[in-house]
Every structure is written in C-alpha cells, then in structure tokens.
C-alpha cells in the first residue's frame, strides 16, 4: 500500500436494511482527555466510479476517525485494557502483530454489565463499539502513544451471531488486516462487510465496504481478498441463488481490483 491521497470530508453514513451505519465518533467511543480532534479523510480514486461494475464499491476507501489516545507500554501484552474503552467493559480483544508496521489491538466494548449472548439478552439501544488501537514507534517496555480509531458499526445489539471478525493479510503488505461483517437482526447473513487496514502513515483505513451484502463470505487468500457471494436470477429466493461467484481482489494502493472471477451454478437450481 504505497500511495496515500488526502482530502477533507465529513463522516459517512450508509443505509443498511433500514438502519444507519455510523462513522466517526458515532459508534459510541468518546474522546479521551487530551486526545487529538477526530480526523478522517477519503481516499480519492484515479479510476472514477469504482462501483460501475461492482456494487460492493459503494464507498471509496476512507480513513477511520481518530477518537482517542493514551500513553501506555509499547508491549501490547502489558496494556491495561480499561484504558482502551470509553465505558462499560471489554467484551472481546484481538491482537494484530504489526511486522514492519505498527502493532494493533482491536477492542469490542459494551456498556452492559450483565453477560449476554443471544439477541434477547441486550437492550435494543445498548451502547457498544469497536475501536482499533495502533501503537506509535517505541521499544518494548517503554511507554509510548497508542491512538484509537472507531470502526463504523450498525446500531444493533452485538449478539454472538450478529458479528464476525477475522484477521488476515488481504493487502499484500505483510500486515494483518481486519475483516468485519455485521448481521443486524437479519437472516441470510445480510449486512455491512468491511475491511480495515493499516497504512504506513500510521492511520487505519476502511479500504473495502459493501452494504448490504447477503449470503456473502470474505476471507484472506495469499495476500488477496476473496469474496464469495450469490448471483441471483429472476425468481430466486435470497437463500437460493442460481449462481455463486468467487472473486479474488488485489489491493492497488487506492482500491481493490478483481483479478480473477469464478462462476459456479448451484446444483439444486
């Protein structure tokens, strides 16, 4: 990911099956005292309308908004996770070893003391969020600055079956990326799918976003982004597309380009 283009922009909102996909500070993460102002920027493309032949390119890549910073040990294993959440408690944590780029910690937090797994165990307006923290330069054992950026999420209770997070390199830079899918009160896996990547400038970017995407799976594949999804013909039910399409996408520096496409007819159609 060599190129990085900048421009000023406000937060982005996308309608997903009738609910709002929130960006910037809207995910419920409040700015810590002394933290820099929230900042985010799009990545203008030299290729014009990327979505012309692929509906998954609804949003151009956009920098996640920085919402907080904290001084903490450079070694993520020594972090006090309470310093990485605005309220409530930590629910899940993912550690991403940075390699030649910065280490990252993804934290899911929720403002609810009572443990819950199923949708019925959460209030409809429970506050929760995903924040990815990135380490500034510093040696292990030495205090350094960690900056946090909020990942846009649908305001829907995070039941166990409503959120999927996987880790893998899909931008071919040797740094693990985050593949995040939400299924907000839907079946057939319908909901926003996102890829979050770190760039060498120290910012986290949402480099892929599709909303909504049904019956779709994303996965890393030898440095590429593999997307398996349905192709419907007239009369198909959501569950039962006539074809399944598999695409392999390479990150070019400002967008994903499809380099290989496979189409298979489903046997029961």
Foldseek 3Di string as FASTA:
>chain_A
DPDADWDADDWDWDAFPNFIFDAFCPLPFAEDPPFDFWGKTFGDDPPPPPCPPPQQPPDWKMFFIWRYKDKDFQPPVRDDCVVVGRAADWDDKDWWDFVVAWTKMKTKGWNDPDDDADQVVDDFQTRIFIKMWTWDDDDGPDIGMIIIGTDTDTRGDDHNVFKDWDWAAAAPPPTIKIWIAGDHPHPQSWAKIWIWDADRVGTIMTATIGHTFGNKDWDHDNNWIKIKHADADPPDDSVAHQKIKIFTWYDPRGHTDTPDMDIDGDPVD
